[in-house]
């Protein structure tokens, strides 16, 4: 399943969401830290190993899996 990285423009929190391409189209993404909808997808490269990066917060938050936590 693809992992998408996002940056919250309100609180500067970086987070990841794992979801299918179809879920990505149908899910409103919000920041798991401040609940803002002002998020932008980041494009830093492709992770083929499936391993988490060390040091960063890679929690999927509450918005992953096709359910919306915004609102």
Protein backbone atom coordinates (compact mmCIF):
# COMPACT_ATOMS: atom_id res chain seq x y z
CA UNK A 1 0.00 0.00 0.00
CA UNK A 2 1.45 3.42 -0.91
CA UNK A 3 2.60 5.76 1.86
CA UNK A 4 2.05 9.48 1.32
CA UNK A 5 3.92 12.13 3.29
CA UNK A 6 2.21 15.39 4.21
CA UNK A 7 3.20 18.69 5.78
CA UNK A 8 0.72 20.74 7.78
CA UNK A 9 0.92 24.37 6.73
CA UNK A 10 -0.56 25.55 10.03
CA UNK A 11 1.64 23.78 12.63
CA UNK A 12 4.50 22.50 10.42
CA UNK A 13 3.92 18.88 11.51
CA UNK A 14 5.10 16.21 9.03
CA UNK A 15 3.16 12.95 8.96
CA UNK A 16 2.53 9.91 6.79
CA UNK A 17 -0.66 8.24 5.64
CA UNK A 18 -0.88 4.72 4.21
CA UNK A 19 -3.80 4.31 1.83
CA UNK A 20 -4.70 3.01 -1.59
CA UNK A 21 -4.85 5.37 -4.55
CA UNK A 22 -8.65 5.12 -4.48
CA UNK A 23 -8.75 5.99 -0.75
CA UNK A 24 -6.45 8.96 -1.41
CA UNK A 25 -8.92 10.32 -3.97
CA UNK A 26 -11.87 9.98 -1.57
CA UNK A 27 -10.30 10.99 1.76
CA UNK A 28 -9.96 14.49 3.13
CA UNK A 29 -6.55 14.62 4.80
CA UNK A 30 -6.08 16.60 7.98
CA UNK A 31 -3.20 17.04 10.39
CA UNK A 32 -3.33 14.52 13.26
CA UNK A 33 -1.68 17.08 15.57
CA UNK A 34 -3.81 20.22 15.09
CA UNK A 35 -6.67 18.85 12.91
CA UNK A 36 -6.07 21.49 10.23
CA UNK A 37 -7.07 20.72 6.65
CA UNK A 38 -4.24 22.98 5.43
CA UNK A 39 -1.96 20.10 4.47
CA UNK A 40 0.24 19.67 1.42
CA UNK A 41 1.58 16.39 0.07
CA UNK A 42 5.38 16.21 0.09
CA UNK A 43 7.41 14.60 -2.70
CA UNK A 44 10.80 13.56 -1.36
CA UNK A 45 11.39 10.32 -3.23
CA UNK A 46 10.22 6.75 -3.37
CA UNK A 47 10.60 4.34 -0.47
CA UNK A 48 10.78 0.84 -1.91
CA UNK A 49 12.00 -0.92 1.24
CA UNK A 50 8.84 -0.38 3.26
CA UNK A 51 10.92 0.48 6.33
CA UNK A 52 10.22 3.54 8.45
CA UNK A 53 12.76 6.34 8.53
CA UNK A 54 14.61 6.68 11.82
CA UNK A 55 14.15 9.83 13.87
CA UNK A 56 10.98 11.27 12.31
CA UNK A 57 7.42 10.91 13.42
CA UNK A 58 5.97 8.46 10.96
CA UNK A 59 2.68 7.82 12.69
CA UNK A 60 -0.25 7.54 10.36
CA UNK A 61 -2.41 9.72 12.53
CA UNK A 62 -6.17 9.34 12.65
CA UNK A 63 -6.95 10.10 9.02
CA UNK A 64 -5.54 7.00 7.32
CA UNK A 65 -7.43 4.06 5.94
CA UNK A 66 -10.13 6.03 4.18
CA UNK A 67 -11.70 7.58 7.27
CA UNK A 68 -11.78 11.32 7.78
CA UNK A 69 -10.85 12.89 11.10
CA UNK A 70 -11.45 16.44 9.96
CA UNK A 71 -14.44 18.37 11.04
